Amino acid sequence: YGEADKPSFWIGKPEKLDKKANRKGGTHVAFVAKSRKAIDAFYKAA
């Protein structure tokens, strides 16, 4: 995922996935938003 033709955030098949561990301090990714309105829309869409 990204803008134009430059992906900078990837989702993929993992070697191992642990949902329980993720919720206790796993991956955290913060996406840049251009406005507070976009953040509100991101949250609702998610």
All heavy atoms as atom14 arrays in JSON, in Angstrom:
{
  "sequence": "YGEADKPSFWIGKPEKLDKKANRKGGTHVAFVAKSRKAIDAFYKAA",
  "atom14_mask": [
    [1, 1, 1, 1, 1, 1, 1, 1, 1, 1, 1, 1, 0, 0],
    [1, 1, 1, 1, 0, 0, 0, 0, 0, 0, 0, 0, 0, 0],
    [1, 1, 1, 1, 1, 1, 1, 1, 1, 0, 0, 0, 0, 0],
    [1, 1, 1, 1, 1, 0, 0, 0, 0, 0, 0, 0, 0, 0],
    [1, 1, 1, 1, 1, 1, 1, 1, 0, 0, 0, 0, 0, 0],
    [1, 1, 1, 1, 1, 1, 1, 1, 1, 0, 0, 0, 0, 0],
    [1, 1, 1, 1, 1, 1, 1, 0, 0, 0, 0, 0, 0, 0],
    [1, 1, 1, 1, 1, 1, 0, 0, 0, 0, 0, 0, 0, 0],
    [1, 1, 1, 1, 1, 1, 1, 1, 1, 1, 1, 0, 0, 0],
    [1, 1, 1, 1, 1, 1, 1, 1, 1, 1, 1, 1, 1, 1],
    [1, 1, 1, 1, 1, 1, 1, 1, 0, 0, 0, 0, 0, 0],
    [1, 1, 1, 1, 0, 0, 0, 0, 0, 0, 0, 0, 0, 0],
    [1, 1, 1, 1, 1, 1, 1, 1, 1, 0, 0, 0, 0, 0],
    [1, 1, 1, 1, 1, 1, 1, 0, 0, 0, 0, 0, 0, 0],
    [1, 1, 1, 1, 1, 1, 1, 1, 1, 0, 0, 0, 0, 0],
    [1, 1, 1, 1, 1, 1, 1, 1, 1, 0, 0, 0, 0, 0],
    [1, 1, 1, 1, 1, 1, 1, 1, 0, 0, 0, 0, 0, 0],
    [1, 1, 1, 1, 1, 1, 1, 1, 0, 0, 0, 0, 0, 0],
    [1, 1, 1, 1, 1, 1, 1, 1, 1, 0, 0, 0, 0, 0],
    [1, 1, 1, 1, 1, 1, 1, 1, 1, 0, 0, 0, 0, 0],
    [1, 1, 1, 1, 1, 0, 0, 0, 0, 0, 0, 0, 0, 0],
    [1, 1, 1, 1, 1, 1, 1, 1, 0, 0, 0, 0, 0, 0],
    [1, 1, 1, 1, 1, 1, 1, 1, 1, 1, 1, 0, 0, 0],
    [1, 1, 1, 1, 1, 1, 1, 1, 1, 0, 0, 0, 0, 0],
    [1, 1, 1, 1, 0, 0, 0, 0, 0, 0, 0, 0, 0, 0],
    [1, 1, 1, 1, 0, 0, 0, 0, 0, 0, 0, 0, 0, 0],
    [1, 1, 1, 1, 1, 1, 1, 0, 0, 0, 0, 0, 0, 0],
    [1, 1, 1, 1, 1, 1, 1, 1, 1, 1, 0, 0, 0, 0],
    [1, 1, 1, 1, 1, 1, 1, 0, 0, 0, 0, 0, 0, 0],
    [1, 1, 1, 1, 1, 0, 0, 0, 0, 0, 0, 0, 0, 0],
    [1, 1, 1, 1, 1, 1, 1, 1, 1, 1, 1, 0, 0, 0],
    [1, 1, 1, 1, 1, 1, 1, 0, 0, 0, 0, 0, 0, 0],
    [1, 1, 1, 1, 1, 0, 0, 0, 0, 0, 0, 0, 0, 0],
    [1, 1, 1, 1, 1, 1, 1, 1, 1, 0, 0, 0, 0, 0],
    [1, 1, 1, 1, 1, 1, 0, 0, 0, 0, 0, 0, 0, 0],
    [1, 1, 1, 1, 1, 1, 1, 1, 1, 1, 1, 0, 0, 0],
    [1, 1, 1, 1, 1, 1, 1, 1, 1, 0, 0, 0, 0, 0],
    [1, 1, 1, 1, 1, 0, 0, 0, 0, 0, 0, 0, 0, 0],
    [1, 1, 1, 1, 1, 1, 1, 1, 0, 0, 0, 0, 0, 0],
    [1, 1, 1, 1, 1, 1, 1, 1, 0, 0, 0, 0, 0, 0],
    [1, 1, 1, 1, 1, 0, 0, 0, 0, 0, 0, 0, 0, 0],
    [1, 1, 1, 1, 1, 1, 1, 1, 1, 1, 1, 0, 0, 0],
    [1, 1, 1, 1, 1, 1, 1, 1, 1, 1, 1, 1, 0, 0],
    [1, 1, 1, 1, 1, 1, 1, 1, 1, 0, 0, 0, 0, 0],
    [1, 1, 1, 1, 1, 0, 0, 0, 0, 0, 0, 0, 0, 0],
    [1, 1, 1, 1, 1, 0, 0, 0, 0, 0, 0, 0, 0, 0]
  ],
  "atom14_positions": [
    [[0.83, -1.2, 0.0], [0.0, 0.0, 0.0], [0.87, 1.25, 0.0], [1.94, 1.27, 0.59], [-0.91, 0.02, 1.24], [-2.01, -0.99, 1.15], [-1.77, -2.32, 1.44], [-3.28, -0.62, 0.73], [-2.78, -3.27, 1.33], [-4.3, -1.56, 0.62], [-4.04, -2.89, 0.92], [-5.04, -3.81, 0.8], [0.0, 0.0, 0.0], [0.0, 0.0, 0.0]],
    [[0.36, 2.29, -0.64], [1.07, 3.56, -0.66], [0.36, 4.54, -1.56], [-0.86, 4.46, -1.76], [0.0, 0.0, 0.0], [0.0, 0.0, 0.0], [0.0, 0.0, 0.0], [0.0, 0.0, 0.0], [0.0, 0.0, 0.0], [0.0, 0.0, 0.0], [0.0, 0.0, 0.0], [0.0, 0.0, 0.0], [0.0, 0.0, 0.0], [0.0, 0.0, 0.0]],
    [[1.15, 5.45, -2.09], [0.65, 6.45, -3.03], [1.35, 6.24, -4.35], [2.53, 5.86, -4.39], [0.92, 7.86, -2.52], [0.22, 8.18, -1.21], [0.57, 9.56, -0.7], [1.7, 9.72, -0.22], [-0.28, 10.44, -0.81], [0.0, 0.0, 0.0], [0.0, 0.0, 0.0], [0.0, 0.0, 0.0], [0.0, 0.0, 0.0], [0.0, 0.0, 0.0]],
    [[0.65, 6.51, -5.45], [1.21, 6.35, -6.8], [1.75, 4.93, -6.96], [1.0, 3.98, -6.79], [2.27, 7.41, -7.08], [0.0, 0.0, 0.0], [0.0, 0.0, 0.0], [0.0, 0.0, 0.0], [0.0, 0.0, 0.0], [0.0, 0.0, 0.0], [0.0, 0.0, 0.0], [0.0, 0.0, 0.0], [0.0, 0.0, 0.0], [0.0, 0.0, 0.0]],
    [[3.03, 4.79, -7.22], [3.58, 3.45, -7.43], [4.6, 3.06, -6.37], [5.43, 2.18, -6.58], [4.2, 3.35, -8.83], [5.36, 4.31, -9.03], [5.56, 5.18, -8.16], [6.06, 4.18, -10.04], [0.0, 0.0, 0.0], [0.0, 0.0, 0.0], [0.0, 0.0, 0.0], [0.0, 0.0, 0.0], [0.0, 0.0, 0.0], [0.0, 0.0, 0.0]],
    [[4.56, 3.7, -5.2], [5.53, 3.43, -4.14], [4.84, 2.81, -2.92], [4.29, 3.5, -2.08], [6.25, 4.73, -3.74], [7.15, 4.61, -2.49], [8.25, 3.57, -2.64], [9.19, 3.55, -1.47], [8.91, 2.55, -0.47], [0.0, 0.0, 0.0], [0.0, 0.0, 0.0], [0.0, 0.0, 0.0], [0.0, 0.0, 0.0], [0.0, 0.0, 0.0]],
    [[4.87, 1.46, -2.81], [4.31, 0.84, -1.61], [5.27, 1.01, -0.44], [6.48, 0.79, -0.57], [4.17, -0.62, -2.0], [5.15, -0.84, -3.09], [5.34, 0.48, -3.79], [0.0, 0.0, 0.0], [0.0, 0.0, 0.0], [0.0, 0.0, 0.0], [0.0, 0.0, 0.0], [0.0, 0.0, 0.0], [0.0, 0.0, 0.0], [0.0, 0.0, 0.0]],
    [[4.73, 1.4, 0.71], [5.58, 1.52, 1.9], [5.01, 0.73, 3.08], [5.68, 0.56, 4.08], [5.77, 2.99, 2.29], [4.54, 3.62, 2.45], [0.0, 0.0, 0.0], [0.0, 0.0, 0.0], [0.0, 0.0, 0.0], [0.0, 0.0, 0.0], [0.0, 0.0, 0.0], [0.0, 0.0, 0.0], [0.0, 0.0, 0.0], [0.0, 0.0, 0.0]],
    [[3.79, 0.24, 2.95], [3.17, -0.6, 3.97], [2.71, -1.89, 3.29], [1.97, -1.86, 2.31], [1.97, 0.12, 4.61], [1.2, -0.74, 5.57], [1.73, -1.09, 6.8], [-0.07, -1.2, 5.24], [1.02, -1.91, 7.68], [-0.79, -2.01, 6.11], [-0.23, -2.36, 7.33], [0.0, 0.0, 0.0], [0.0, 0.0, 0.0], [0.0, 0.0, 0.0]],
    [[3.18, -3.01, 3.84], [2.91, -4.3, 3.23], [2.16, -5.23, 4.19], [2.43, -5.24, 5.38], [4.23, -5.0, 2.86], [4.93, -4.34, 1.72], [5.79, -3.28, 1.78], [4.84, -4.7, 0.35], [6.23, -2.96, 0.53], [5.67, -3.82, -0.38], [4.14, -5.69, -0.35], [5.81, -3.89, -1.76], [4.29, -5.77, -1.72], [5.12, -4.87, -2.41]],
    [[1.23, -6.01, 3.63], [0.6, -7.1, 4.36], [0.97, -8.39, 3.63], [1.07, -8.4, 2.39], [-0.93, -6.95, 4.45], [-1.58, -6.84, 3.06], [-1.28, -5.74, 5.31], [-3.09, -6.86, 3.06], [0.0, 0.0, 0.0], [0.0, 0.0, 0.0], [0.0, 0.0, 0.0], [0.0, 0.0, 0.0], [0.0, 0.0, 0.0], [0.0, 0.0, 0.0]],
    [[1.23, -9.45, 4.38], [1.63, -10.68, 3.71], [1.47, -11.91, 4.56], [1.14, -11.84, 5.75], [0.0, 0.0, 0.0], [0.0, 0.0, 0.0], [0.0, 0.0, 0.0], [0.0, 0.0, 0.0], [0.0, 0.0, 0.0], [0.0, 0.0, 0.0], [0.0, 0.0, 0.0], [0.0, 0.0, 0.0], [0.0, 0.0, 0.0], [0.0, 0.0, 0.0]],
    [[1.7, -13.05, 3.93], [1.65, -14.33, 4.62], [2.86, -14.42, 5.55], [3.99, -14.33, 5.1], [1.67, -15.47, 3.62], [0.43, -15.54, 2.75], [0.51, -16.72, 1.79], [-0.74, -16.8, 0.93], [-0.66, -17.91, -0.04], [0.0, 0.0, 0.0], [0.0, 0.0, 0.0], [0.0, 0.0, 0.0], [0.0, 0.0, 0.0], [0.0, 0.0, 0.0]],
    [[2.63, -14.59, 6.84], [3.74, -14.64, 7.8], [4.29, -16.06, 7.98], [3.63, -17.03, 7.62], [3.1, -14.18, 9.1], [1.7, -14.73, 8.99], [1.34, -14.61, 7.52], [0.0, 0.0, 0.0], [0.0, 0.0, 0.0], [0.0, 0.0, 0.0], [0.0, 0.0, 0.0], [0.0, 0.0, 0.0], [0.0, 0.0, 0.0], [0.0, 0.0, 0.0]],
    [[5.48, -16.12, 8.53], [6.01, -17.42, 8.93], [5.25, -17.91, 10.16], [5.01, -19.09, 10.33], [7.5, -17.3, 9.25], [8.34, -17.03, 8.03], [9.8, -16.9, 8.36], [10.26, -17.48, 9.37], [10.5, -16.21, 7.61], [0.0, 0.0, 0.0], [0.0, 0.0, 0.0], [0.0, 0.0, 0.0], [0.0, 0.0, 0.0], [0.0, 0.0, 0.0]],
    [[4.86, -16.97, 11.05], [4.12, -17.3, 12.26], [3.29, -16.09, 12.65], [3.74, -14.96, 12.57], [5.09, -17.65, 13.4], [4.4, -18.05, 14.68], [5.41, -18.4, 15.76], [4.69, -18.76, 17.03], [5.6, -19.01, 18.13], [0.0, 0.0, 0.0], [0.0, 0.0, 0.0], [0.0, 0.0, 0.0], [0.0, 0.0, 0.0], [0.0, 0.0, 0.0]],
    [[2.05, -16.33, 13.07], [1.16, -15.24, 13.49], [0.59, -15.57, 14.85], [0.13, -16.69, 15.08], [0.02, -15.06, 12.47], [-0.97, -13.95, 12.78], [-0.33, -12.59, 12.51], [-2.22, -14.1, 11.94], [0.0, 0.0, 0.0], [0.0, 0.0, 0.0], [0.0, 0.0, 0.0], [0.0, 0.0, 0.0], [0.0, 0.0, 0.0], [0.0, 0.0, 0.0]],
    [[0.61, -14.62, 15.77], [0.1, -14.83, 17.11], [-0.77, -13.63, 17.49], [-0.28, -12.62, 17.99], [1.26, -14.99, 18.09], [0.8, -15.38, 19.49], [-0.38, -15.14, 19.83], [1.62, -15.89, 20.24], [0.0, 0.0, 0.0], [0.0, 0.0, 0.0], [0.0, 0.0, 0.0], [0.0, 0.0, 0.0], [0.0, 0.0, 0.0], [0.0, 0.0, 0.0]],
    [[-2.09, -13.73, 17.23], [-3.0, -12.62, 17.51], [-2.95, -12.19, 18.97], [-2.98, -11.01, 19.28], [-4.44, -13.01, 17.15], [-4.72, -13.12, 15.69], [-6.2, -13.42, 15.47], [-6.51, -13.7, 14.04], [-7.95, -13.92, 13.81], [0.0, 0.0, 0.0], [0.0, 0.0, 0.0], [0.0, 0.0, 0.0], [0.0, 0.0, 0.0], [0.0, 0.0, 0.0]],
    [[-2.88, -13.15, 19.88], [-2.86, -12.83, 21.31], [-1.62, -12.02, 21.66], [-1.69, -11.02, 22.38], [-2.9, -14.13, 22.13], [-3.06, -13.91, 23.6], [-3.2, -15.25, 24.33], [-3.31, -15.05, 25.82], [-3.38, -16.32, 26.53], [0.0, 0.0, 0.0], [0.0, 0.0, 0.0], [0.0, 0.0, 0.0], [0.0, 0.0, 0.0], [0.0, 0.0, 0.0]],
    [[-0.47, -12.41, 21.13], [0.77, -11.67, 21.4], [0.72, -10.28, 20.77], [1.17, -9.31, 21.38], [1.97, -12.44, 20.87], [0.0, 0.0, 0.0], [0.0, 0.0, 0.0], [0.0, 0.0, 0.0], [0.0, 0.0, 0.0], [0.0, 0.0, 0.0], [0.0, 0.0, 0.0], [0.0, 0.0, 0.0], [0.0, 0.0, 0.0], [0.0, 0.0, 0.0]],
    [[0.14, -10.17, 19.58], [0.04, -8.86, 18.93], [-0.71, -7.87, 19.82], [-0.31, -6.72, 19.95], [-0.67, -8.97, 17.58], [0.23, -9.53, 16.5], [1.4, -9.81, 16.73], [-0.33, -9.73, 15.32], [0.0, 0.0, 0.0], [0.0, 0.0, 0.0], [0.0, 0.0, 0.0], [0.0, 0.0, 0.0], [0.0, 0.0, 0.0], [0.0, 0.0, 0.0]],
    [[-1.81, -8.31, 20.42], [-2.61, -7.41, 21.24], [-1.91, -7.04, 22.55], [-2.32, -6.13, 23.23], [-3.97, -8.05, 21.55], [-4.9, -7.97, 20.35], [-6.35, -8.14, 20.77], [-7.23, -7.82, 19.67], [-7.62, -8.68, 18.74], [-7.22, -9.93, 18.78], [-8.43, -8.3, 17.78], [0.0, 0.0, 0.0], [0.0, 0.0, 0.0], [0.0, 0.0, 0.0]],
    [[-0.84, -7.74, 22.88], [-0.12, -7.44, 24.11], [1.2, -6.73, 23.84], [2.12, -6.81, 24.64], [0.12, -8.73, 24.9], [-1.13, -9.31, 25.48], [-0.82, -10.51, 26.34], [-2.1, -11.03, 26.98], [-1.84, -12.13, 27.87], [0.0, 0.0, 0.0], [0.0, 0.0, 0.0], [0.0, 0.0, 0.0], [0.0, 0.0, 0.0], [0.0, 0.0, 0.0]],
    [[1.32, -6.06, 22.73], [2.55, -5.31, 22.48], [3.21, -5.63, 21.16], [4.39, -5.36, 20.99], [0.0, 0.0, 0.0], [0.0, 0.0, 0.0], [0.0, 0.0, 0.0], [0.0, 0.0, 0.0], [0.0, 0.0, 0.0], [0.0, 0.0, 0.0], [0.0, 0.0, 0.0], [0.0, 0.0, 0.0], [0.0, 0.0, 0.0], [0.0, 0.0, 0.0]],
    [[2.47, -6.19, 20.24], [3.03, -6.54, 18.94], [3.23, -5.32, 18.05], [3.54, -4.23, 18.5], [0.0, 0.0, 0.0], [0.0, 0.0, 0.0], [0.0, 0.0, 0.0], [0.0, 0.0, 0.0], [0.0, 0.0, 0.0], [0.0, 0.0, 0.0], [0.0, 0.0, 0.0], [0.0, 0.0, 0.0], [0.0, 0.0, 0.0], [0.0, 0.0, 0.0]],
    [[3.0, -5.52, 16.79], [3.21, -4.49, 15.78], [2.35, -3.26, 16.0], [1.18, -3.36, 16.34], [2.9, -5.08, 14.39], [3.69, -6.24, 14.21], [3.18, -4.09, 13.29], [0.0, 0.0, 0.0], [0.0, 0.0, 0.0], [0.0, 0.0, 0.0], [0.0, 0.0, 0.0], [0.0, 0.0, 0.0], [0.0, 0.0, 0.0], [0.0, 0.0, 0.0]],
    [[2.94, -2.08, 15.8], [2.22, -0.82, 15.82], [2.65, -0.02, 14.61], [3.83, 0.25, 14.44], [2.53, -0.04, 17.1], [1.9, 1.33, 17.13], [2.35, 2.29, 17.99], [0.9, 1.89, 16.44], [1.63, 3.4, 17.81], [0.75, 3.17, 16.86], [0.0, 0.0, 0.0], [0.0, 0.0, 0.0], [0.0, 0.0, 0.0], [0.0, 0.0, 0.0]],
    [[1.69, 0.32, 13.76], [1.97, 1.1, 12.56], [1.11, 2.36, 12.6], [-0.1, 2.28, 12.79], [1.64, 0.3, 11.28], [1.9, 1.15, 10.05], [2.45, -0.98, 11.23], [0.0, 0.0, 0.0], [0.0, 0.0, 0.0], [0.0, 0.0, 0.0], [0.0, 0.0, 0.0], [0.0, 0.0, 0.0], [0.0, 0.0, 0.0], [0.0, 0.0, 0.0]],
    [[1.76, 3.52, 12.44], [1.03, 4.8, 12.4], [1.1, 5.34, 10.98], [2.19, 5.51, 10.42], [1.64, 5.79, 13.38], [0.0, 0.0, 0.0], [0.0, 0.0, 0.0], [0.0, 0.0, 0.0], [0.0, 0.0, 0.0], [0.0, 0.0, 0.0], [0.0, 0.0, 0.0], [0.0, 0.0, 0.0], [0.0, 0.0, 0.0], [0.0, 0.0, 0.0]],
    [[-0.06, 5.63, 10.4], [-0.16, 6.16, 9.05], [-0.3, 7.68, 9.1], [-1.02, 8.22, 9.94], [-1.38, 5.58, 8.33], [-1.32, 4.08, 8.19], [-2.02, 3.27, 9.05], [-0.54, 3.49, 7.2], [-1.97, 1.89, 8.93], [-0.47, 2.12, 7.08], [-1.19, 1.31, 7.94], [0.0, 0.0, 0.0], [0.0, 0.0, 0.0], [0.0, 0.0, 0.0]],
    [[0.38, 8.37, 8.2], [0.31, 9.83, 8.1], [-1.05, 10.21, 7.54], [-1.51, 9.64, 6.55], [1.41, 10.37, 7.17], [1.23, 11.86, 6.93], [2.79, 10.09, 7.74], [0.0, 0.0, 0.0], [0.0, 0.0, 0.0], [0.0, 0.0, 0.0], [0.0, 0.0, 0.0], [0.0, 0.0, 0.0], [0.0, 0.0, 0.0], [0.0, 0.0, 0.0]],
    [[-1.69, 11.16, 8.19], [-2.96, 11.71, 7.7], [-2.77, 13.19, 7.38], [-2.04, 13.89, 8.08], [-4.05, 11.54, 8.75], [0.0, 0.0, 0.0], [0.0, 0.0, 0.0], [0.0, 0.0, 0.0], [0.0, 0.0, 0.0], [0.0, 0.0, 0.0], [0.0, 0.0, 0.0], [0.0, 0.0, 0.0], [0.0, 0.0, 0.0], [0.0, 0.0, 0.0]],
    [[-3.44, 13.64, 6.34], [-3.3, 15.03, 5.92], [-4.2, 15.98, 6.7], [-4.02, 17.19, 6.65], [-3.56, 15.14, 4.43], [-2.5, 14.41, 3.61], [-2.78, 14.51, 2.13], [-1.66, 13.89, 1.34], [-1.81, 12.49, 1.07], [0.0, 0.0, 0.0], [0.0, 0.0, 0.0], [0.0, 0.0, 0.0], [0.0, 0.0, 0.0], [0.0, 0.0, 0.0]],
    [[-5.19, 15.41, 7.42], [-6.1, 16.26, 8.19], [-6.75, 15.46, 9.31], [-6.74, 14.22, 9.29], [-7.21, 16.81, 7.27], [-8.07, 15.76, 6.86], [0.0, 0.0, 0.0], [0.0, 0.0, 0.0], [0.0, 0.0, 0.0], [0.0, 0.0, 0.0], [0.0, 0.0, 0.0], [0.0, 0.0, 0.0], [0.0, 0.0, 0.0], [0.0, 0.0, 0.0]],
    [[-7.3, 16.17, 10.26], [-8.03, 15.52, 11.34], [-9.3, 14.86, 10.81], [-9.71, 13.8, 11.28], [-8.34, 16.52, 12.44], [-7.08, 16.96, 13.17], [-7.35, 17.96, 14.26], [-6.09, 18.29, 14.94], [-6.01, 18.95, 16.07], [-7.12, 19.37, 16.68], [-4.84, 19.19, 16.62], [0.0, 0.0, 0.0], [0.0, 0.0, 0.0], [0.0, 0.0, 0.0]],
    [[-9.9, 15.47, 9.82], [-11.09, 14.89, 9.19], [-10.76, 13.53, 8.58], [-11.54, 12.59, 8.69], [-11.62, 15.84, 8.11], [-12.89, 15.4, 7.45], [-13.37, 16.44, 6.45], [-14.62, 15.97, 5.73], [-15.09, 16.94, 4.75], [0.0, 0.0, 0.0], [0.0, 0.0, 0.0], [0.0, 0.0, 0.0], [0.0, 0.0, 0.0], [0.0, 0.0, 0.0]],
    [[-9.59, 13.4, 7.97], [-9.16, 12.12, 7.39], [-8.95, 11.08, 8.49], [-9.25, 9.89, 8.3], [-7.89, 12.29, 6.57], [0.0, 0.0, 0.0], [0.0, 0.0, 0.0], [0.0, 0.0, 0.0], [0.0, 0.0, 0.0], [0.0, 0.0, 0.0], [0.0, 0.0, 0.0], [0.0, 0.0, 0.0], [0.0, 0.0, 0.0], [0.0, 0.0, 0.0]],
    [[-8.44, 11.51, 9.64], [-8.25, 10.59, 10.78], [-9.59, 10.09, 11.27], [-9.76, 8.89, 11.52], [-7.46, 11.27, 11.91], [-6.03, 11.56, 11.44], [-7.47, 10.42, 13.18], [-5.25, 12.48, 12.35], [0.0, 0.0, 0.0], [0.0, 0.0, 0.0], [0.0, 0.0, 0.0], [0.0, 0.0, 0.0], [0.0, 0.0, 0.0], [0.0, 0.0, 0.0]],
    [[-10.55, 10.98, 11.4], [-11.9, 10.58, 11.82], [-12.48, 9.55, 10.84], [-13.06, 8.54, 11.25], [-12.82, 11.8, 11.91], [-12.38, 12.81, 12.96], [-11.54, 12.47, 13.83], [-12.87, 13.96, 12.9], [0.0, 0.0, 0.0], [0.0, 0.0, 0.0], [0.0, 0.0, 0.0], [0.0, 0.0, 0.0], [0.0, 0.0, 0.0], [0.0, 0.0, 0.0]],
    [[-12.3, 9.8, 9.53], [-12.83, 8.9, 8.5], [-12.1, 7.56, 8.52], [-12.71, 6.5, 8.34], [-12.73, 9.55, 7.13], [0.0, 0.0, 0.0], [0.0, 0.0, 0.0], [0.0, 0.0, 0.0], [0.0, 0.0, 0.0], [0.0, 0.0, 0.0], [0.0, 0.0, 0.0], [0.0, 0.0, 0.0], [0.0, 0.0, 0.0], [0.0, 0.0, 0.0]],
    [[-10.78, 7.58, 8.75], [-9.99, 6.35, 8.87], [-10.55, 5.48, 9.99], [-10.78, 4.28, 9.83], [-8.53, 6.7, 9.15], [-7.73, 5.6, 9.82], [-7.16, 4.58, 9.08], [-7.56, 5.6, 11.2], [-6.42, 3.57, 9.71], [-6.83, 4.6, 11.83], [-6.26, 3.58, 11.08], [0.0, 0.0, 0.0], [0.0, 0.0, 0.0], [0.0, 0.0, 0.0]],
    [[-10.77, 6.08, 11.15], [-11.24, 5.35, 12.32], [-12.62, 4.72, 12.03], [-12.83, 3.52, 12.28], [-11.32, 6.28, 13.52], [-11.83, 5.62, 14.77], [-10.99, 4.84, 15.56], [-13.15, 5.77, 15.17], [-11.45, 4.23, 16.71], [-13.62, 5.17, 16.32], [-12.77, 4.39, 17.09], [-13.24, 3.79, 18.23], [0.0, 0.0, 0.0], [0.0, 0.0, 0.0]],
    [[-13.53, 5.5, 11.47], [-14.87, 4.98, 11.16], [-14.79, 3.84, 10.15], [-15.46, 2.82, 10.3], [-15.76, 6.1, 10.62], [-16.19, 7.08, 11.68], [-17.03, 8.21, 11.09], [-17.3, 9.27, 12.13], [-17.95, 10.45, 11.55], [0.0, 0.0, 0.0], [0.0, 0.0, 0.0], [0.0, 0.0, 0.0], [0.0, 0.0, 0.0], [0.0, 0.0, 0.0]],
    [[-13.96, 4.01, 9.12], [-13.82, 2.97, 8.09], [-13.19, 1.71, 8.66], [-13.61, 0.59, 8.34], [-12.99, 3.49, 6.92], [0.0, 0.0, 0.0], [0.0, 0.0, 0.0], [0.0, 0.0, 0.0], [0.0, 0.0, 0.0], [0.0, 0.0, 0.0], [0.0, 0.0, 0.0], [0.0, 0.0, 0.0], [0.0, 0.0, 0.0], [0.0, 0.0, 0.0]],
    [[-12.19, 1.86, 9.52], [-11.52, 0.71, 10.12], [-12.48, -0.08, 11.0], [-12.56, -1.31, 10.91], [-10.29, 1.15, 10.92], [0.0, 0.0, 0.0], [0.0, 0.0, 0.0], [0.0, 0.0, 0.0], [0.0, 0.0, 0.0], [0.0, 0.0, 0.0], [0.0, 0.0, 0.0], [0.0, 0.0, 0.0], [0.0, 0.0, 0.0], [0.0, 0.0, 0.0]]
  ]
}
